[in-house]
């Protein structure tokens, strides 16, 4: 079980999008000072926006606090646009202090958002 010690206030001046969620893990954060940024890609074109948002967030969150040293990015791809995953992952890994990028696609058996009841 993950003990979540902090969640981003999406209205705070550092938040770039309401879909941005930041989580810090209690025992992990104490040693690694890891910030986990969670993004939600609703459509294929969101990937470029996410790259820009993470770049801006990395500066805003790491420059203004001593609480975090590293960022792990998790993206849930509801658009199932796997053709963008490698490009986005490489772009984000290139950002200083981003330690890893995990992209999970919507399973094919789950209908797209606009076709769900």
N, C-alpha and C. Protein backbone atom coordinates (compact mmCIF):
# COMPACT_ATOMS: atom_id res chain seq x y z
N UNK A 1 0.84 -1.18 0.00
CA UNK A 1 0.00 0.00 0.00
C UNK A 1 0.89 1.24 0.00
N UNK A 2 0.58 2.19 -0.84
CA UNK A 2 1.35 3.43 -0.93
C UNK A 2 0.78 4.44 0.05
N UNK A 3 1.64 4.99 0.85
CA UNK A 3 1.24 6.03 1.79
C UNK A 3 1.50 7.37 1.11
N UNK A 4 0.47 8.01 0.61
CA UNK A 4 0.61 9.27 -0.09
C UNK A 4 0.66 10.39 0.93
N UNK A 5 1.74 11.15 0.88
CA UNK A 5 1.90 12.22 1.87
C UNK A 5 1.58 13.58 1.31
N UNK A 6 1.50 13.73 0.00
CA UNK A 6 1.20 15.04 -0.54
C UNK A 6 0.54 14.95 -1.90
N UNK A 7 -0.44 15.78 -2.12
CA UNK A 7 -1.09 15.88 -3.42
C UNK A 7 -1.05 17.34 -3.87
N UNK A 8 -0.87 17.54 -5.13
CA UNK A 8 -0.83 18.89 -5.65
C UNK A 8 -2.21 19.52 -5.59
N UNK A 9 -2.25 20.77 -5.22
CA UNK A 9 -3.47 21.56 -5.33
C UNK A 9 -3.50 22.07 -6.76
N UNK A 10 -4.46 21.61 -7.59
CA UNK A 10 -4.46 21.99 -9.00
C UNK A 10 -4.70 23.47 -9.22
N UNK A 11 -5.03 24.21 -8.18
CA UNK A 11 -5.25 25.63 -8.32
C UNK A 11 -4.00 26.42 -7.93
N UNK A 12 -2.99 25.74 -7.42
CA UNK A 12 -1.77 26.42 -7.00
C UNK A 12 -1.07 27.05 -8.19
N UNK A 13 -0.26 28.08 -7.97
CA UNK A 13 0.41 28.76 -9.08
C UNK A 13 1.36 27.86 -9.86
N UNK A 14 1.84 26.77 -9.28
CA UNK A 14 2.77 25.88 -9.98
C UNK A 14 2.05 24.91 -10.90
N UNK A 15 0.77 24.68 -10.70
CA UNK A 15 0.04 23.69 -11.49
C UNK A 15 -0.20 24.23 -12.90
N UNK A 16 0.17 23.44 -13.92
CA UNK A 16 -0.03 23.88 -15.29
C UNK A 16 -1.36 23.43 -15.83
N UNK A 17 -1.90 22.35 -15.34
CA UNK A 17 -3.17 21.81 -15.80
C UNK A 17 -3.88 21.15 -14.63
N UNK A 18 -5.18 21.13 -14.68
CA UNK A 18 -5.93 20.44 -13.63
C UNK A 18 -5.65 18.94 -13.69
N UNK A 19 -5.30 18.42 -14.88
CA UNK A 19 -5.03 16.99 -15.01
C UNK A 19 -3.68 16.60 -14.42
N UNK A 20 -2.90 17.57 -13.99
CA UNK A 20 -1.61 17.26 -13.38
C UNK A 20 -1.81 16.91 -11.92
N UNK A 21 -1.31 15.77 -11.53
CA UNK A 21 -1.40 15.35 -10.14
C UNK A 21 0.02 15.03 -9.69
N UNK A 22 0.39 15.53 -8.57
CA UNK A 22 1.71 15.25 -8.04
C UNK A 22 1.55 14.47 -6.75
N UNK A 23 2.33 13.43 -6.62
CA UNK A 23 2.26 12.56 -5.46
C UNK A 23 3.66 12.40 -4.91
N UNK A 24 3.78 12.42 -3.61
CA UNK A 24 5.06 12.09 -3.00
C UNK A 24 4.85 10.89 -2.10
N UNK A 25 5.74 9.98 -2.15
CA UNK A 25 5.63 8.74 -1.37
C UNK A 25 6.43 8.93 -0.09
N UNK A 26 5.79 8.73 1.06
CA UNK A 26 6.41 9.02 2.36
C UNK A 26 7.78 8.44 2.58
N UNK A 27 7.92 7.13 2.65
CA UNK A 27 9.22 6.55 2.97
C UNK A 27 10.19 6.70 1.81
N UNK A 28 9.69 6.62 0.59
CA UNK A 28 10.56 6.78 -0.58
C UNK A 28 11.06 8.21 -0.67
N UNK A 29 10.17 9.17 -0.43
CA UNK A 29 10.53 10.58 -0.53
C UNK A 29 11.58 10.96 0.51
N UNK A 30 11.54 10.35 1.68
CA UNK A 30 12.51 10.68 2.72
C UNK A 30 13.94 10.39 2.27
N UNK A 31 14.12 9.35 1.47
CA UNK A 31 15.46 8.99 1.02
C UNK A 31 15.80 9.57 -0.34
N UNK A 32 14.87 9.49 -1.26
CA UNK A 32 15.16 9.84 -2.65
C UNK A 32 14.67 11.24 -2.99
N UNK A 33 13.71 11.76 -2.24
CA UNK A 33 13.11 13.06 -2.51
C UNK A 33 12.54 13.08 -3.92
N UNK A 34 11.68 12.10 -4.18
CA UNK A 34 11.11 11.85 -5.50
C UNK A 34 9.71 12.42 -5.60
N UNK A 35 9.49 13.17 -6.65
CA UNK A 35 8.18 13.71 -6.98
C UNK A 35 7.63 12.91 -8.15
N UNK A 36 6.40 12.44 -8.04
CA UNK A 36 5.78 11.67 -9.12
C UNK A 36 4.73 12.56 -9.76
N UNK A 37 4.92 12.87 -11.03
CA UNK A 37 3.96 13.70 -11.75
C UNK A 37 3.11 12.78 -12.63
N UNK A 38 1.80 12.88 -12.46
CA UNK A 38 0.88 12.02 -13.19
C UNK A 38 0.12 12.87 -14.20
N UNK A 39 0.15 12.43 -15.45
CA UNK A 39 -0.53 13.15 -16.53
C UNK A 39 -1.51 12.21 -17.22
N UNK A 40 -2.51 12.79 -17.85
CA UNK A 40 -3.57 12.03 -18.50
C UNK A 40 -3.67 12.54 -19.94
N UNK A 41 -3.36 11.67 -20.91
CA UNK A 41 -3.45 12.04 -22.33
C UNK A 41 -4.80 11.58 -22.86
N UNK A 42 -5.66 12.52 -23.16
CA UNK A 42 -6.99 12.19 -23.67
C UNK A 42 -6.98 11.97 -25.19
N UNK A 43 -6.07 12.67 -25.87
CA UNK A 43 -5.96 12.54 -27.32
C UNK A 43 -4.48 12.58 -27.71
N UNK A 44 -4.19 12.13 -28.92
CA UNK A 44 -2.79 12.02 -29.36
C UNK A 44 -2.05 13.35 -29.28
N UNK A 45 -2.73 14.43 -29.57
CA UNK A 45 -2.06 15.75 -29.56
C UNK A 45 -1.67 16.20 -28.15
N UNK A 46 -2.17 15.55 -27.12
CA UNK A 46 -1.82 15.91 -25.74
C UNK A 46 -0.35 15.63 -25.41
N UNK A 47 0.29 14.73 -26.14
CA UNK A 47 1.66 14.36 -25.80
C UNK A 47 2.62 15.54 -25.89
N UNK A 48 2.50 16.36 -26.92
CA UNK A 48 3.37 17.54 -27.03
C UNK A 48 3.10 18.51 -25.88
N UNK A 49 1.82 18.68 -25.53
CA UNK A 49 1.48 19.55 -24.41
C UNK A 49 2.05 19.02 -23.10
N UNK A 50 1.99 17.72 -22.92
CA UNK A 50 2.53 17.10 -21.70
C UNK A 50 4.04 17.33 -21.62
N UNK A 51 4.74 17.19 -22.74
CA UNK A 51 6.19 17.44 -22.75
C UNK A 51 6.47 18.85 -22.26
N UNK A 52 5.74 19.81 -22.78
CA UNK A 52 5.93 21.22 -22.40
C UNK A 52 5.60 21.43 -20.92
N UNK A 53 4.49 20.84 -20.47
CA UNK A 53 4.08 21.01 -19.07
C UNK A 53 5.11 20.43 -18.11
N UNK A 54 5.63 19.25 -18.43
CA UNK A 54 6.61 18.62 -17.53
C UNK A 54 7.89 19.46 -17.50
N UNK A 55 8.29 20.01 -18.64
CA UNK A 55 9.48 20.85 -18.66
C UNK A 55 9.27 22.07 -17.76
N UNK A 56 8.12 22.71 -17.87
CA UNK A 56 7.82 23.87 -17.02
C UNK A 56 7.71 23.47 -15.55
N UNK A 57 7.04 22.36 -15.30
CA UNK A 57 6.87 21.90 -13.92
C UNK A 57 8.19 21.54 -13.27
N UNK A 58 9.10 20.95 -14.05
CA UNK A 58 10.38 20.54 -13.46
C UNK A 58 11.14 21.75 -12.94
N UNK A 59 11.07 22.84 -13.65
CA UNK A 59 11.72 24.07 -13.19
C UNK A 59 10.99 24.62 -11.98
N UNK A 60 9.67 24.72 -12.09
CA UNK A 60 8.88 25.32 -11.01
C UNK A 60 8.97 24.53 -9.71
N UNK A 61 8.84 23.22 -9.78
CA UNK A 61 8.80 22.42 -8.57
C UNK A 61 10.17 22.20 -7.95
N UNK A 62 11.19 22.03 -8.76
CA UNK A 62 12.50 21.73 -8.19
C UNK A 62 13.26 22.99 -7.79
N UNK A 63 13.00 24.09 -8.44
CA UNK A 63 13.71 25.33 -8.12
C UNK A 63 13.17 25.98 -6.85
N UNK A 64 11.90 25.75 -6.55
CA UNK A 64 11.26 26.46 -5.46
C UNK A 64 11.14 25.65 -4.17
N UNK A 65 11.84 24.52 -4.10
CA UNK A 65 11.71 23.70 -2.89
C UNK A 65 12.98 22.89 -2.66
N UNK A 66 13.20 22.55 -1.41
CA UNK A 66 14.28 21.63 -1.07
C UNK A 66 13.71 20.23 -0.83
N UNK A 67 12.41 20.07 -1.07
CA UNK A 67 11.75 18.80 -0.76
C UNK A 67 12.03 17.71 -1.79
N UNK A 68 12.30 18.10 -3.04
CA UNK A 68 12.45 17.11 -4.11
C UNK A 68 13.72 17.33 -4.91
N UNK A 69 14.31 16.21 -5.36
CA UNK A 69 15.49 16.27 -6.23
C UNK A 69 15.20 15.70 -7.61
N UNK A 70 14.26 14.77 -7.68
CA UNK A 70 14.01 14.02 -8.90
C UNK A 70 12.51 13.97 -9.19
N UNK A 71 12.19 13.76 -10.47
CA UNK A 71 10.80 13.62 -10.89
C UNK A 71 10.66 12.32 -11.68
N UNK A 72 9.62 11.56 -11.36
CA UNK A 72 9.23 10.41 -12.15
C UNK A 72 7.90 10.80 -12.80
N UNK A 73 7.77 10.60 -14.11
CA UNK A 73 6.57 10.99 -14.82
C UNK A 73 5.78 9.73 -15.18
N UNK A 74 4.49 9.73 -14.84
CA UNK A 74 3.59 8.66 -15.23
C UNK A 74 2.50 9.27 -16.11
N UNK A 75 2.32 8.70 -17.31
CA UNK A 75 1.30 9.19 -18.24
C UNK A 75 0.34 8.05 -18.53
N UNK A 76 -0.96 8.32 -18.32
CA UNK A 76 -1.99 7.36 -18.73
C UNK A 76 -2.50 7.83 -20.08
N UNK A 77 -2.36 6.98 -21.08
CA UNK A 77 -2.73 7.31 -22.46
C UNK A 77 -4.10 6.74 -22.78
N UNK A 78 -5.13 7.56 -22.60
CA UNK A 78 -6.49 7.12 -22.89
C UNK A 78 -6.75 7.06 -24.40
N UNK A 79 -5.89 7.70 -25.18
CA UNK A 79 -6.06 7.71 -26.63
C UNK A 79 -5.45 6.49 -27.31
N UNK A 80 -4.72 5.70 -26.56
CA UNK A 80 -4.01 4.52 -27.10
C UNK A 80 -3.14 4.90 -28.30
N UNK A 81 -2.43 5.99 -28.18
CA UNK A 81 -1.57 6.49 -29.25
C UNK A 81 -0.13 6.06 -29.01
N UNK A 82 0.10 4.78 -29.07
CA UNK A 82 1.43 4.25 -28.73
C UNK A 82 2.52 4.75 -29.67
N UNK A 83 2.15 5.25 -30.83
CA UNK A 83 3.16 5.77 -31.76
C UNK A 83 3.85 7.02 -31.21
N UNK A 84 3.28 7.65 -30.19
CA UNK A 84 3.89 8.83 -29.57
C UNK A 84 4.70 8.51 -28.32
N UNK A 85 4.60 7.30 -27.82
CA UNK A 85 5.22 6.96 -26.53
C UNK A 85 6.73 7.13 -26.55
N UNK A 86 7.40 6.57 -27.54
CA UNK A 86 8.87 6.61 -27.55
C UNK A 86 9.39 8.04 -27.69
N UNK A 87 8.78 8.81 -28.57
CA UNK A 87 9.21 10.20 -28.76
C UNK A 87 9.04 11.01 -27.49
N UNK A 88 7.88 10.85 -26.86
CA UNK A 88 7.61 11.60 -25.62
C UNK A 88 8.53 11.14 -24.50
N UNK A 89 8.73 9.85 -24.38
CA UNK A 89 9.61 9.33 -23.33
C UNK A 89 11.03 9.88 -23.50
N UNK A 90 11.55 9.84 -24.73
CA UNK A 90 12.91 10.36 -24.97
C UNK A 90 13.00 11.85 -24.66
N UNK A 91 11.98 12.61 -25.04
CA UNK A 91 11.99 14.05 -24.77
C UNK A 91 11.99 14.32 -23.26
N UNK A 92 11.19 13.58 -22.52
CA UNK A 92 11.09 13.81 -21.08
C UNK A 92 12.31 13.32 -20.32
N UNK A 93 12.87 12.20 -20.74
CA UNK A 93 14.09 11.69 -20.09
C UNK A 93 15.24 12.69 -20.27
N UNK A 94 15.18 13.47 -21.35
CA UNK A 94 16.22 14.47 -21.61
C UNK A 94 16.15 15.67 -20.69
N UNK A 95 15.08 15.82 -19.95
CA UNK A 95 14.93 16.94 -19.02
C UNK A 95 15.73 16.63 -17.75
N UNK A 96 16.51 17.58 -17.33
CA UNK A 96 17.32 17.40 -16.12
C UNK A 96 16.44 17.03 -14.93
N UNK A 97 16.86 16.06 -14.18
CA UNK A 97 16.21 15.58 -12.96
C UNK A 97 14.97 14.73 -13.18
N UNK A 98 14.61 14.43 -14.44
CA UNK A 98 13.54 13.46 -14.70
C UNK A 98 14.22 12.10 -14.74
N UNK A 99 13.89 11.25 -13.78
CA UNK A 99 14.59 9.97 -13.65
C UNK A 99 14.01 8.87 -14.51
N UNK A 100 12.70 8.91 -14.74
CA UNK A 100 12.08 7.89 -15.58
C UNK A 100 10.72 8.37 -16.03
N UNK A 101 10.23 7.75 -17.12
CA UNK A 101 8.92 8.07 -17.67
C UNK A 101 8.21 6.74 -17.91
N UNK A 102 7.03 6.62 -17.36
CA UNK A 102 6.22 5.42 -17.56
C UNK A 102 4.95 5.84 -18.28
N UNK A 103 4.66 5.17 -19.40
CA UNK A 103 3.45 5.48 -20.17
C UNK A 103 2.63 4.20 -20.26
N UNK A 104 1.39 4.29 -19.79
CA UNK A 104 0.47 3.14 -19.82
C UNK A 104 -0.71 3.49 -20.72
N UNK A 105 -0.98 2.64 -21.70
CA UNK A 105 -2.09 2.86 -22.62
C UNK A 105 -3.38 2.26 -22.09
N UNK A 106 -4.48 2.87 -22.51
CA UNK A 106 -5.80 2.30 -22.24
C UNK A 106 -5.86 0.93 -22.91
N UNK A 107 -6.29 -0.09 -22.18
CA UNK A 107 -6.41 -1.41 -22.80
C UNK A 107 -7.38 -1.37 -23.98
N UNK A 108 -7.07 -2.09 -25.04
CA UNK A 108 -7.87 -2.09 -26.25
C UNK A 108 -9.30 -2.54 -26.05
N UNK A 109 -9.54 -3.34 -25.03
CA UNK A 109 -10.91 -3.83 -24.78
C UNK A 109 -11.80 -2.79 -24.11
N UNK A 110 -11.20 -1.75 -23.59
CA UNK A 110 -11.98 -0.66 -23.01
C UNK A 110 -12.24 0.35 -24.12
N UNK A 111 -13.50 0.69 -24.37
CA UNK A 111 -13.80 1.62 -25.46
C UNK A 111 -13.22 3.01 -25.19
N UNK A 112 -12.97 3.77 -26.27
CA UNK A 112 -12.51 5.15 -26.06
C UNK A 112 -13.49 5.94 -25.21
N UNK A 113 -13.00 6.96 -24.58
CA UNK A 113 -13.77 7.77 -23.62
C UNK A 113 -15.10 8.24 -24.21
N UNK A 114 -15.09 8.69 -25.45
CA UNK A 114 -16.31 9.21 -26.07
C UNK A 114 -17.32 8.13 -26.41
N UNK A 115 -16.96 6.86 -26.27
CA UNK A 115 -17.87 5.75 -26.55
C UNK A 115 -18.30 5.00 -25.29
N UNK A 116 -17.87 5.48 -24.13
CA UNK A 116 -18.25 4.86 -22.87
C UNK A 116 -19.58 5.40 -22.38
N UNK A 117 -20.35 4.56 -21.69
CA UNK A 117 -21.65 5.05 -21.16
C UNK A 117 -21.48 6.10 -20.09
